[in-house]
Structure formats: C-alpha cells, structure tokens
Amino acid sequence: MAHESDSFPSAAIADHGYSNKKEAYLRRLKLIEGQVRGIARMVGEDAYCIDILTQVAAVNKALHAVSMGLLEEHIGHCVVNAAAASDEAGEAKVKEATDAIGRLLR
C-alpha cells in the first residue's frame, strides 16, 4: 500500500495531516484504552450484560470520532497536497481515502 512518503519527497511533506493534533489523538486513544480495560474488568466481575454493552457502545463511538478526525485530516492535508502535486497523485490519494472509508463501514 502506498503511503505519503512513497509519493512525495520527504522534504516536500514532512508530516501527516494529524501531526498538529497528535497529542490530542494520543490522549483520546489512552482514554479509549482505559475504557476497554474497564470493560474487561466488568466481564471479569460478571457485570450485567446491558451495562457491558453500554460501555462497548461508548468505545465504538469514541473510536468512530477518532477515525473521522483522522479521515478529515487525511483529506484536508494528504489528499489536498497530492492533488496540488498532480492529478495522478490526487486520484491515488482519493482512492486511498475511499478504500479507508470502505474499511470503516464494514
């Protein structure tokens, strides 16, 4: 699978679209990690099924928010920069984004 660094010289684009929000993404992912550990603890403690499912839904929603943010950053940065470089590069990044959306929807 082609990555941004495969299409452009590293000096042209040194970061990813999410780079300026990296710390926020890491904080959010650590919170999600804690939620998942909490779910495992709930299962280990034989918590009520619906309470566990409620927590699973919360994790899914949080992961969805992260994925949508990353997708927006990718389109706004990687796709836009590729399209500015050439039509072919832009089309490749659009295809890459479309494929990623397809994986998210499965």
PDB file of N, CA and C in Angstrom:
ATOM      1  N   MET A   1       0.845  -1.171   0.000  1.00  0.00           N
ATOM      2  CA  MET A   1       0.000   0.000   0.000  1.00  0.00           C
ATOM      3  C   MET A   1       0.893   1.236   0.000  1.00  0.00           C
ATOM      4  N   ALA A   2       0.610   2.176  -0.862  1.00  0.00           N
ATOM      5  CA  ALA A   2       1.403   3.387  -0.964  1.00  0.00           C
ATOM      6  C   ALA A   2       1.090   4.311   0.198  1.00  0.00           C
ATOM      7  N   HIS A   3       2.107   4.959   0.692  1.00  0.00           N
ATOM      8  CA  HIS A   3       1.965   5.947   1.744  1.00  0.00           C
ATOM      9  C   HIS A   3       2.449   7.270   1.213  1.00  0.00           C
ATOM     10  N   GLU A   4       2.146   8.315   1.951  1.00  0.00           N
ATOM     11  CA  GLU A   4       2.514   9.658   1.532  1.00  0.00           C
ATOM     12  C   GLU A   4       3.995   9.757   1.188  1.00  0.00           C
ATOM     13  N   SER A   5       4.837   9.123   1.976  1.00  0.00           N
ATOM     14  CA  SER A   5       6.270   9.216   1.729  1.00  0.00           C
ATOM     15  C   SER A   5       6.676   8.516   0.440  1.00  0.00           C
ATOM     16  N   ASP A   6       5.831   7.586  -0.058  1.00  0.00           N
ATOM     17  CA  ASP A   6       6.129   6.907  -1.309  1.00  0.00           C
ATOM     18  C   ASP A   6       5.883   7.813  -2.511  1.00  0.00           C
ATOM     19  N   SER A   7       4.968   8.779  -2.375  1.00  0.00           N
ATOM     20  CA  SER A   7       4.560   9.614  -3.489  1.00  0.00           C
ATOM     21  C   SER A   7       5.314  10.928  -3.560  1.00  0.00           C
ATOM     22  N   PHE A   8       5.833  11.402  -2.455  1.00  0.00           N
ATOM     23  CA  PHE A   8       6.451  12.719  -2.391  1.00  0.00           C
ATOM     24  C   PHE A   8       7.803  12.633  -1.720  1.00  0.00           C
ATOM     25  N   PRO A   9       8.713  13.507  -2.103  1.00  0.00           N
ATOM     26  CA  PRO A   9       9.975  13.565  -1.372  1.00  0.00           C
ATOM     27  C   PRO A   9       9.719  13.994   0.067  1.00  0.00           C
ATOM     28  N   SER A  10      10.496  13.482   0.996  1.00  0.00           N
ATOM     29  CA  SER A  10      10.261  13.773   2.404  1.00  0.00           C
ATOM     30  C   SER A  10      10.390  15.252   2.712  1.00  0.00           C
ATOM     31  N   ALA A  11      11.158  15.993   1.969  1.00  0.00           N
ATOM     32  CA  ALA A  11      11.299  17.421   2.220  1.00  0.00           C
ATOM     33  C   ALA A  11      10.035  18.174   1.827  1.00  0.00           C
ATOM     34  N   ALA A  12       9.280  17.663   0.853  1.00  0.00           N
ATOM     35  CA  ALA A  12       8.086  18.360   0.383  1.00  0.00           C
ATOM     36  C   ALA A  12       6.974  18.310   1.437  1.00  0.00           C
ATOM     37  N   ILE A  13       6.754  17.158   2.026  1.00  0.00           N
ATOM     38  CA  ILE A  13       5.729  16.999   3.043  1.00  0.00           C
ATOM     39  C   ILE A  13       6.342  16.179   4.169  1.00  0.00           C
ATOM     40  N   ALA A  14       6.675  16.846   5.261  1.00  0.00           N
ATOM     41  CA  ALA A  14       7.410  16.194   6.329  1.00  0.00           C
ATOM     42  C   ALA A  14       6.498  15.585   7.389  1.00  0.00           C
ATOM     43  N   ASP A  15       5.217  15.933   7.377  1.00  0.00           N
ATOM     44  CA  ASP A  15       4.345  15.439   8.434  1.00  0.00           C
ATOM     45  C   ASP A  15       3.051  14.905   7.857  1.00  0.00           C
ATOM     46  N   HIS A  16       2.273  14.305   8.719  1.00  0.00           N
ATOM     47  CA  HIS A  16       0.964  13.797   8.341  1.00  0.00           C
ATOM     48  C   HIS A  16      -0.074  14.847   8.679  1.00  0.00           C
ATOM     49  N   GLY A  17      -1.265  14.698   8.135  1.00  0.00           N
ATOM     50  CA  GLY A  17      -2.312  15.671   8.380  1.00  0.00           C
ATOM     51  C   GLY A  17      -2.663  15.828   9.846  1.00  0.00           C
ATOM     52  N   TYR A  18      -2.502  14.764  10.620  1.00  0.00           N
ATOM     53  CA  TYR A  18      -2.874  14.798  12.031  1.00  0.00           C
ATOM     54  C   TYR A  18      -1.757  15.309  12.931  1.00  0.00           C
ATOM     55  N   SER A  19      -0.589  15.586  12.379  1.00  0.00           N
ATOM     56  CA  SER A  19       0.587  15.915  13.196  1.00  0.00           C
ATOM     57  C   SER A  19       0.347  17.047  14.191  1.00  0.00           C
ATOM     58  N   ASN A  20      -0.387  18.075  13.775  1.00  0.00           N
ATOM     59  CA  ASN A  20      -0.605  19.197  14.690  1.00  0.00           C
ATOM     60  C   ASN A  20      -1.585  18.858  15.807  1.00  0.00           C
ATOM     61  N   LYS A  21      -2.269  17.718  15.713  1.00  0.00           N
ATOM     62  CA  LYS A  21      -3.211  17.278  16.752  1.00  0.00           C
ATOM     63  C   LYS A  21      -2.798  15.941  17.351  1.00  0.00           C
ATOM     64  N   LYS A  22      -1.554  15.565  17.144  1.00  0.00           N
ATOM     65  CA  LYS A  22      -1.074  14.251  17.571  1.00  0.00           C
ATOM     66  C   LYS A  22      -1.287  14.011  19.060  1.00  0.00           C
ATOM     67  N   GLU A  23      -0.944  14.983  19.892  1.00  0.00           N
ATOM     68  CA  GLU A  23      -1.090  14.806  21.344  1.00  0.00           C
ATOM     69  C   GLU A  23      -2.549  14.615  21.735  1.00  0.00           C
ATOM     70  N   ALA A  24      -3.456  15.320  21.091  1.00  0.00           N
ATOM     71  CA  ALA A  24      -4.884  15.154  21.381  1.00  0.00           C
ATOM     72  C   ALA A  24      -5.348  13.754  20.990  1.00  0.00           C
ATOM     73  N   TYR A  25      -4.884  13.273  19.837  1.00  0.00           N
ATOM     74  CA  TYR A  25      -5.246  11.911  19.426  1.00  0.00           C
ATOM     75  C   TYR A  25      -4.691  10.887  20.411  1.00  0.00           C
ATOM     76  N   LEU A  26      -3.455  11.077  20.833  1.00  0.00           N
ATOM     77  CA  LEU A  26      -2.867  10.135  21.793  1.00  0.00           C
ATOM     78  C   LEU A  26      -3.623  10.139  23.120  1.00  0.00           C
ATOM     79  N   ARG A  27      -4.008  11.323  23.604  1.00  0.00           N
ATOM     80  CA  ARG A  27      -4.795  11.398  24.846  1.00  0.00           C
ATOM     81  C   ARG A  27      -6.120  10.657  24.688  1.00  0.00           C
ATOM     82  N   ARG A  28      -6.782  10.899  23.561  1.00  0.00           N
ATOM     83  CA  ARG A  28      -8.076  10.258  23.331  1.00  0.00           C
ATOM     84  C   ARG A  28      -7.924   8.743  23.255  1.00  0.00           C
ATOM     85  N   LEU A  29      -6.876   8.275  22.581  1.00  0.00           N
ATOM     86  CA  LEU A  29      -6.653   6.831  22.472  1.00  0.00           C
ATOM     87  C   LEU A  29      -6.328   6.209  23.829  1.00  0.00           C
ATOM     88  N   LYS A  30      -5.615   6.921  24.678  1.00  0.00           N
ATOM     89  CA  LYS A  30      -5.327   6.405  26.021  1.00  0.00           C
ATOM     90  C   LYS A  30      -6.618   6.300  26.835  1.00  0.00           C
ATOM     91  N   LEU A  31      -7.521   7.267  26.658  1.00  0.00           N
ATOM     92  CA  LEU A  31      -8.815   7.183  27.333  1.00  0.00           C
ATOM     93  C   LEU A  31      -9.606   5.966  26.843  1.00  0.00           C
ATOM     94  N   ILE A  32      -9.580   5.744  25.545  1.00  0.00           N
ATOM     95  CA  ILE A  32     -10.266   4.586  24.976  1.00  0.00           C
ATOM     96  C   ILE A  32      -9.651   3.297  25.512  1.00  0.00           C
ATOM     97  N   GLU A  33      -8.339   3.271  25.593  1.00  0.00           N
ATOM     98  CA  GLU A  33      -7.657   2.099  26.149  1.00  0.00           C
ATOM     99  C   GLU A  33      -8.133   1.823  27.577  1.00  0.00           C
ATOM    100  N   GLY A  34      -8.280   2.876  28.352  1.00  0.00           N
ATOM    101  CA  GLY A  34      -8.782   2.727  29.712  1.00  0.00           C
ATOM    102  C   GLY A  34     -10.211   2.210  29.740  1.00  0.00           C
ATOM    103  N   GLN A  35     -11.027   2.704  28.806  1.00  0.00           N
ATOM    104  CA  GLN A  35     -12.400   2.215  28.713  1.00  0.00           C
ATOM    105  C   GLN A  35     -12.433   0.721  28.398  1.00  0.00           C
ATOM    106  N   VAL A  36     -11.572   0.288  27.484  1.00  0.00           N
ATOM    107  CA  VAL A  36     -11.536  -1.129  27.112  1.00  0.00           C
ATOM    108  C   VAL A  36     -11.094  -1.974  28.304  1.00  0.00           C
ATOM    109  N   ARG A  37     -10.119  -1.493  29.044  1.00  0.00           N
ATOM    110  CA  ARG A  37      -9.707  -2.225  30.251  1.00  0.00           C
ATOM    111  C   ARG A  37     -10.851  -2.309  31.253  1.00  0.00           C
ATOM    112  N   GLY A  38     -11.616  -1.237  31.353  1.00  0.00           N
ATOM    113  CA  GLY A  38     -12.777  -1.238  32.236  1.00  0.00           C
ATOM    114  C   GLY A  38     -13.804  -2.271  31.808  1.00  0.00           C
ATOM    115  N   ILE A  39     -13.999  -2.395  30.516  1.00  0.00           N
ATOM    116  CA  ILE A  39     -14.937  -3.410  30.006  1.00  0.00           C
ATOM    117  C   ILE A  39     -14.445  -4.806  30.363  1.00  0.00           C
ATOM    118  N   ALA A  40     -13.161  -5.049  30.196  1.00  0.00           N
ATOM    119  CA  ALA A  40     -12.597  -6.359  30.546  1.00  0.00           C
ATOM    120  C   ALA A  40     -12.801  -6.633  32.036  1.00  0.00           C
ATOM    121  N   ARG A  41     -12.616  -5.603  32.842  1.00  0.00           N
ATOM    122  CA  ARG A  41     -12.819  -5.755  34.289  1.00  0.00           C
ATOM    123  C   ARG A  41     -14.294  -6.082  34.582  1.00  0.00           C
ATOM    124  N   MET A  42     -15.193  -5.409  33.870  1.00  0.00           N
ATOM    125  CA  MET A  42     -16.625  -5.670  34.052  1.00  0.00           C
ATOM    126  C   MET A  42     -16.962  -7.121  33.728  1.00  0.00           C
ATOM    127  N   VAL A  43     -16.404  -7.624  32.632  1.00  0.00           N
ATOM    128  CA  VAL A  43     -16.651  -9.023  32.264  1.00  0.00           C
ATOM    129  C   VAL A  43     -16.090  -9.945  33.340  1.00  0.00           C
ATOM    130  N   GLY A  44     -14.885  -9.650  33.800  1.00  0.00           N
ATOM    131  CA  GLY A  44     -14.272 -10.461  34.848  1.00  0.00           C
ATOM    132  C   GLY A  44     -15.064 -10.464  36.138  1.00  0.00           C
ATOM    133  N   GLU A  45     -15.773  -9.372  36.400  1.00  0.00           N
ATOM    134  CA  GLU A  45     -16.574  -9.248  37.619  1.00  0.00           C
ATOM    135  C   GLU A  45     -18.033  -9.651  37.396  1.00  0.00           C
ATOM    136  N   ASP A  46     -18.321 -10.241  36.235  1.00  0.00           N
ATOM    137  CA  ASP A  46     -19.678 -10.700  35.906  1.00  0.00           C
ATOM    138  C   ASP A  46     -20.711  -9.578  35.966  1.00  0.00           C
ATOM    139  N   ALA A  47     -20.363  -8.416  35.403  1.00  0.00           N
ATOM    140  CA  ALA A  47     -21.296  -7.285  35.368  1.00  0.00           C
ATOM    141  C   ALA A  47     -22.489  -7.625  34.473  1.00  0.00           C
ATOM    142  N   TYR A  48     -23.544  -6.871  34.638  1.00  0.00           N
ATOM    143  CA  TYR A  48     -24.773  -7.056  33.869  1.00  0.00           C
ATOM    144  C   TYR A  48     -24.489  -6.825  32.383  1.00  0.00           C
ATOM    145  N   CYS A  49     -25.021  -7.699  31.529  1.00  0.00           N
ATOM    146  CA  CYS A  49     -24.762  -7.673  30.082  1.00  0.00           C
ATOM    147  C   CYS A  49     -25.012  -6.298  29.469  1.00  0.00           C
ATOM    148  N   ILE A  50     -26.142  -5.693  29.802  1.00  0.00           N
ATOM    149  CA  ILE A  50     -26.503  -4.409  29.205  1.00  0.00           C
ATOM    150  C   ILE A  50     -25.525  -3.324  29.632  1.00  0.00           C
ATOM    151  N   ASP A  51     -25.032  -3.379  30.850  1.00  0.00           N
ATOM    152  CA  ASP A  51     -24.034  -2.400  31.295  1.00  0.00           C
ATOM    153  C   ASP A  51     -22.740  -2.538  30.480  1.00  0.00           C
ATOM    154  N   ILE A  52     -22.356  -3.769  30.202  1.00  0.00           N
ATOM    155  CA  ILE A  52     -21.162  -4.012  29.388  1.00  0.00           C
ATOM    156  C   ILE A  52     -21.387  -3.500  27.966  1.00  0.00           C
ATOM    157  N   LEU A  53     -22.546  -3.836  27.402  1.00  0.00           N
ATOM    158  CA  LEU A  53     -22.855  -3.381  26.045  1.00  0.00           C
ATOM    159  C   LEU A  53     -22.893  -1.858  25.952  1.00  0.00           C
ATOM    160  N   THR A  54     -23.357  -1.200  26.989  1.00  0.00           N
ATOM    161  CA  THR A  54     -23.366   0.269  27.013  1.00  0.00           C
ATOM    162  C   THR A  54     -21.940   0.802  26.931  1.00  0.00           C
ATOM    163  N   GLN A  55     -21.035   0.185  27.641  1.00  0.00           N
ATOM    164  CA  GLN A  55     -19.634   0.612  27.609  1.00  0.00           C
ATOM    165  C   GLN A  55     -18.983   0.298  26.260  1.00  0.00           C
ATOM    166  N   VAL A  56     -19.333  -0.845  25.666  1.00  0.00           N
ATOM    167  CA  VAL A  56     -18.828  -1.188  24.331  1.00  0.00           C
ATOM    168  C   VAL A  56     -19.293  -0.142  23.325  1.00  0.00           C
ATOM    169  N   ALA A  57     -20.550   0.264  23.421  1.00  0.00           N
ATOM    170  CA  ALA A  57     -21.075   1.291  22.516  1.00  0.00           C
ATOM    171  C   ALA A  57     -20.317   2.603  22.687  1.00  0.00           C
ATOM    172  N   ALA A  58     -19.976   2.947  23.919  1.00  0.00           N
ATOM    173  CA  ALA A  58     -19.220   4.180  24.170  1.00  0.00           C
ATOM    174  C   ALA A  58     -17.831   4.116  23.533  1.00  0.00           C
ATOM    175  N   VAL A  59     -17.186   2.951  23.622  1.00  0.00           N
ATOM    176  CA  VAL A  59     -15.870   2.784  22.996  1.00  0.00           C
ATOM    177  C   VAL A  59     -15.995   2.877  21.481  1.00  0.00           C
ATOM    178  N   ASN A  60     -17.008   2.231  20.925  1.00  0.00           N
ATOM    179  CA  ASN A  60     -17.217   2.308  19.478  1.00  0.00           C
ATOM    180  C   ASN A  60     -17.411   3.755  19.033  1.00  0.00           C
ATOM    181  N   LYS A  61     -18.185   4.508  19.774  1.00  0.00           N
ATOM    182  CA  LYS A  61     -18.427   5.916  19.436  1.00  0.00           C
ATOM    183  C   LYS A  61     -17.126   6.718  19.512  1.00  0.00           C
ATOM    184  N   ALA A  62     -16.337   6.471  20.547  1.00  0.00           N
ATOM    185  CA  ALA A  62     -15.064   7.182  20.699  1.00  0.00           C
ATOM    186  C   ALA A  62     -14.102   6.835  19.565  1.00  0.00           C
ATOM    187  N   LEU A  63     -14.021   5.561  19.188  1.00  0.00           N
ATOM    188  CA  LEU A  63     -13.162   5.156  18.076  1.00  0.00           C
ATOM    189  C   LEU A  63     -13.664   5.746  16.757  1.00  0.00           C
ATOM    190  N   HIS A  64     -14.961   5.816  16.610  1.00  0.00           N
ATOM    191  CA  HIS A  64     -15.545   6.429  15.410  1.00  0.00           C
ATOM    192  C   HIS A  64     -15.117   7.902  15.318  1.00  0.00           C
ATOM    193  N   ALA A  65     -15.168   8.605  16.435  1.00  0.00           N
ATOM    194  CA  ALA A  65     -14.758  10.013  16.447  1.00  0.00           C
ATOM    195  C   ALA A  65     -13.284  10.164  16.068  1.00  0.00           C
ATOM    196  N   VAL A  66     -12.437   9.280  16.568  1.00  0.00           N
ATOM    197  CA  VAL A  66     -11.011   9.317  16.212  1.00  0.00           C
ATOM    198  C   VAL A  66     -10.838   9.047  14.722  1.00  0.00           C
ATOM    199  N   SER A  67     -11.516   8.029  14.220  1.00  0.00           N
ATOM    200  CA  SER A  67     -11.357   7.685  12.805  1.00  0.00           C
ATOM    201  C   SER A  67     -11.865   8.793  11.897  1.00  0.00           C
ATOM    202  N   MET A  68     -12.965   9.430  12.260  1.00  0.00           N
ATOM    203  CA  MET A  68     -13.486  10.533  11.442  1.00  0.00           C
ATOM    204  C   MET A  68     -12.533  11.729  11.468  1.00  0.00           C
ATOM    205  N   GLY A  69     -11.948  11.991  12.623  1.00  0.00           N
ATOM    206  CA  GLY A  69     -10.969  13.071  12.713  1.00  0.00           C
ATOM    207  C   GLY A  69      -9.748  12.798  11.848  1.00  0.00           C
ATOM    208  N   LEU A  70      -9.238  11.578  11.920  1.00  0.00           N
ATOM    209  CA  LEU A  70      -8.079  11.204  11.105  1.00  0.00           C
ATOM    210  C   LEU A  70      -8.406  11.263   9.614  1.00  0.00           C
ATOM    211  N   LEU A  71      -9.601  10.829   9.262  1.00  0.00           N
ATOM    212  CA  LEU A  71     -10.016  10.884   7.864  1.00  0.00           C
ATOM    213  C   LEU A  71     -10.101  12.327   7.382  1.00  0.00           C
ATOM    214  N   GLU A  72     -10.676  13.194   8.187  1.00  0.00           N
ATOM    215  CA  GLU A  72     -10.761  14.604   7.820  1.00  0.00           C
ATOM    216  C   GLU A  72      -9.360  15.209   7.659  1.00  0.00           C
ATOM    217  N   GLU A  73      -8.469  14.878   8.576  1.00  0.00           N
ATOM    218  CA  GLU A  73      -7.089  15.367   8.485  1.00  0.00           C
ATOM    219  C   GLU A  73      -6.414  14.832   7.219  1.00  0.00           C
ATOM    220  N   HIS A  74      -6.653  13.566   6.903  1.00  0.00           N
ATOM    221  CA  HIS A  74      -6.045  12.965   5.719  1.00  0.00           C
ATOM    222  C   HIS A  74      -6.527  13.665   4.449  1.00  0.00           C
ATOM    223  N   ILE A  75      -7.821  13.880   4.361  1.00  0.00           N
ATOM    224  CA  ILE A  75      -8.355  14.534   3.170  1.00  0.00           C
ATOM    225  C   ILE A  75      -7.872  15.977   3.083  1.00  0.00           C
ATOM    226  N   GLY A  76      -7.926  16.687   4.198  1.00  0.00           N
ATOM    227  CA  GLY A  76      -7.540  18.094   4.200  1.00  0.00           C
ATOM    228  C   GLY A  76      -6.063  18.338   3.989  1.00  0.00           C
ATOM    229  N   HIS A  77      -5.253  17.365   4.275  1.00  0.00           N
ATOM    230  CA  HIS A  77      -3.797  17.543   4.163  1.00  0.00           C
ATOM    231  C   HIS A  77      -3.226  16.680   3.036  1.00  0.00           C
ATOM    232  N   CYS A  78      -3.295  15.393   3.219  1.00  0.00           N
ATOM    233  CA  CYS A  78      -2.645  14.460   2.292  1.00  0.00           C
ATOM    234  C   CYS A  78      -3.275  14.498   0.900  1.00  0.00           C
ATOM    235  N   VAL A  79      -4.602  14.441   0.837  1.00  0.00           N
ATOM    236  CA  VAL A  79      -5.275  14.442  -0.462  1.00  0.00           C
ATOM    237  C   VAL A  79      -5.109  15.783  -1.154  1.00  0.00           C
ATOM    238  N   VAL A  80      -5.298  16.864  -0.408  1.00  0.00           N
ATOM    239  CA  VAL A  80      -5.158  18.205  -0.998  1.00  0.00           C
ATOM    240  C   VAL A  80      -3.737  18.424  -1.522  1.00  0.00           C
ATOM    241  N   ASN A  81      -2.740  18.047  -0.747  1.00  0.00           N
ATOM    242  CA  ASN A  81      -1.352  18.221  -1.195  1.00  0.00           C
ATOM    243  C   ASN A  81      -1.028  17.345  -2.405  1.00  0.00           C
ATOM    244  N   ALA A  82      -1.547  16.133  -2.408  1.00  0.00           N
ATOM    245  CA  ALA A  82      -1.308  15.248  -3.548  1.00  0.00           C
ATOM    246  C   ALA A  82      -1.972  15.807  -4.802  1.00  0.00           C
ATOM    247  N   ALA A  83      -3.196  16.316  -4.660  1.00  0.00           N
ATOM    248  CA  ALA A  83      -3.904  16.884  -5.813  1.00  0.00           C
ATOM    249  C   ALA A  83      -3.172  18.113  -6.348  1.00  0.00           C
ATOM    250  N   ALA A  84      -2.558  18.873  -5.464  1.00  0.00           N
ATOM    251  CA  ALA A  84      -1.794  20.043  -5.897  1.00  0.00           C
ATOM    252  C   ALA A  84      -0.533  19.627  -6.647  1.00  0.00           C
ATOM    253  N   ALA A  85       0.002  18.464  -6.302  1.00  0.00           N
ATOM    254  CA  ALA A  85       1.223  17.982  -6.949  1.00  0.00           C
ATOM    255  C   ALA A  85       0.936  17.494  -8.367  1.00  0.00           C
ATOM    256  N   SER A  86      -0.130  16.707  -8.526  1.00  0.00           N
ATOM    257  CA  SER A  86      -0.509  16.215  -9.852  1.00  0.00           C
ATOM    258  C   SER A  86      -1.882  15.574  -9.791  1.00  0.00           C
ATOM    259  N   ASP A  87      -2.542  15.516 -10.932  1.00  0.00           N
ATOM    260  CA  ASP A  87      -3.847  14.856 -10.991  1.00  0.00           C
ATOM    261  C   ASP A  87      -3.722  13.388 -10.602  1.00  0.00           C
ATOM    262  N   GLU A  88      -2.683  12.739 -11.091  1.00  0.00           N
ATOM    263  CA  GLU A  88      -2.483  11.314 -10.808  1.00  0.00           C
ATOM    264  C   GLU A  88      -2.287  11.069  -9.311  1.00  0.00           C
ATOM    265  N   ALA A  89      -1.454  11.888  -8.689  1.00  0.00           N
ATOM    266  CA  ALA A  89      -1.225  11.733  -7.248  1.00  0.00           C
ATOM    267  C   ALA A  89      -2.509  12.009  -6.477  1.00  0.00           C
ATOM    268  N   GLY A  90      -3.257  13.008  -6.876  1.00  0.00           N
ATOM    269  CA  GLY A  90      -4.523  13.330  -6.225  1.00  0.00           C
ATOM    270  C   GLY A  90      -5.514  12.196  -6.343  1.00  0.00           C
ATOM    271  N   GLU A  91      -5.626  11.626  -7.535  1.00  0.00           N
ATOM    272  CA  GLU A  91      -6.538  10.500  -7.748  1.00  0.00           C
ATOM    273  C   GLU A  91      -6.142   9.306  -6.884  1.00  0.00           C
ATOM    274  N   ALA A  92      -4.852   9.068  -6.759  1.00  0.00           N
ATOM    275  CA  ALA A  92      -4.380   7.946  -5.931  1.00  0.00           C
ATOM    276  C   ALA A  92      -4.752   8.167  -4.463  1.00  0.00           C
ATOM    277  N   LYS A  93      -4.610   9.393  -3.974  1.00  0.00           N
ATOM    278  CA  LYS A  93      -4.955   9.679  -2.577  1.00  0.00           C
ATOM    279  C   LYS A  93      -6.460   9.621  -2.350  1.00  0.00           C
ATOM    280  N   VAL A  94      -7.248  10.049  -3.332  1.00  0.00           N
ATOM    281  CA  VAL A  94      -8.699   9.934  -3.211  1.00  0.00           C
ATOM    282  C   VAL A  94      -9.084   8.458  -3.131  1.00  0.00           C
ATOM    283  N   LYS A  95      -8.485   7.623  -3.966  1.00  0.00           N
ATOM    284  CA  LYS A  95      -8.746   6.176  -3.941  1.00  0.00           C
ATOM    285  C   LYS A  95      -8.358   5.594  -2.586  1.00  0.00           C
ATOM    286  N   GLU A  96      -7.216   6.014  -2.076  1.00  0.00           N
ATOM    287  CA  GLU A  96      -6.760   5.549  -0.772  1.00  0.00           C
ATOM    288  C   GLU A  96      -7.767   5.928   0.318  1.00  0.00           C
ATOM    289  N   ALA A  97      -8.258   7.171   0.274  1.00  0.00           N
ATOM    290  CA  ALA A  97      -9.253   7.624   1.259  1.00  0.00           C
ATOM    291  C   ALA A  97     -10.561   6.857   1.106  1.00  0.00           C
ATOM    292  N   THR A  98     -10.985   6.648  -0.117  1.00  0.00           N
ATOM    293  CA  THR A  98     -12.217   5.900  -0.374  1.00  0.00           C
ATOM    294  C   THR A  98     -12.106   4.474   0.151  1.00  0.00           C
ATOM    295  N   ASP A  99     -10.971   3.848  -0.068  1.00  0.00           N
ATOM    296  CA  ASP A  99     -10.750   2.496   0.453  1.00  0.00           C
ATOM    297  C   ASP A  99     -10.800   2.485   1.984  1.00  0.00           C
ATOM    298  N   ALA A 100     -10.211   3.506   2.611  1.00  0.00           N
ATOM    299  CA  ALA A 100     -10.231   3.595   4.061  1.00  0.00           C
ATOM    300  C   ALA A 100     -11.655   3.755   4.577  1.00  0.00           C
ATOM    301  N   ILE A 101     -12.450   4.565   3.890  1.00  0.00           N
ATOM    302  CA  ILE A 101     -13.855   4.737   4.279  1.00  0.00           C
ATOM    303  C   ILE A 101     -14.585   3.406   4.173  1.00  0.00           C
ATOM    304  N   GLY A 102     -14.311   2.678   3.112  1.00  0.00           N
ATOM    305  CA  GLY A 102     -14.922   1.350   2.944  1.00  0.00           C
ATOM    306  C   GLY A 102     -14.585   0.422   4.099  1.00  0.00           C
ATOM    307  N   ARG A 103     -13.339   0.448   4.544  1.00  0.00           N
ATOM    308  CA  ARG A 103     -12.944  -0.400   5.676  1.00  0.00           C
ATOM    309  C   ARG A 103     -13.651   0.043   6.957  1.00  0.00           C
ATOM    310  N   LEU A 104     -13.836   1.335   7.132  1.00  0.00           N
ATOM    311  CA  LEU A 104     -14.523   1.835   8.325  1.00  0.00           C
ATOM    312  C   LEU A 104     -16.001   1.438   8.340  1.00  0.00           C
ATOM    313  N   LEU A 105     -16.585   1.308   7.176  1.00  0.00           N
ATOM    314  CA  LEU A 105     -18.002   0.990   7.092  1.00  0.00           C
ATOM    315  C   LEU A 105     -18.304  -0.500   7.189  1.00  0.00           C
ATOM    316  N   ARG A 106     -17.304  -1.338   7.137  1.00  0.00           N
ATOM    317  CA  ARG A 106     -17.540  -2.783   7.238  1.00  0.00           C
ATOM    318  C   ARG A 106     -17.930  -3.172   8.620  1.00  0.00           C
TER     319      ARG A 106
END
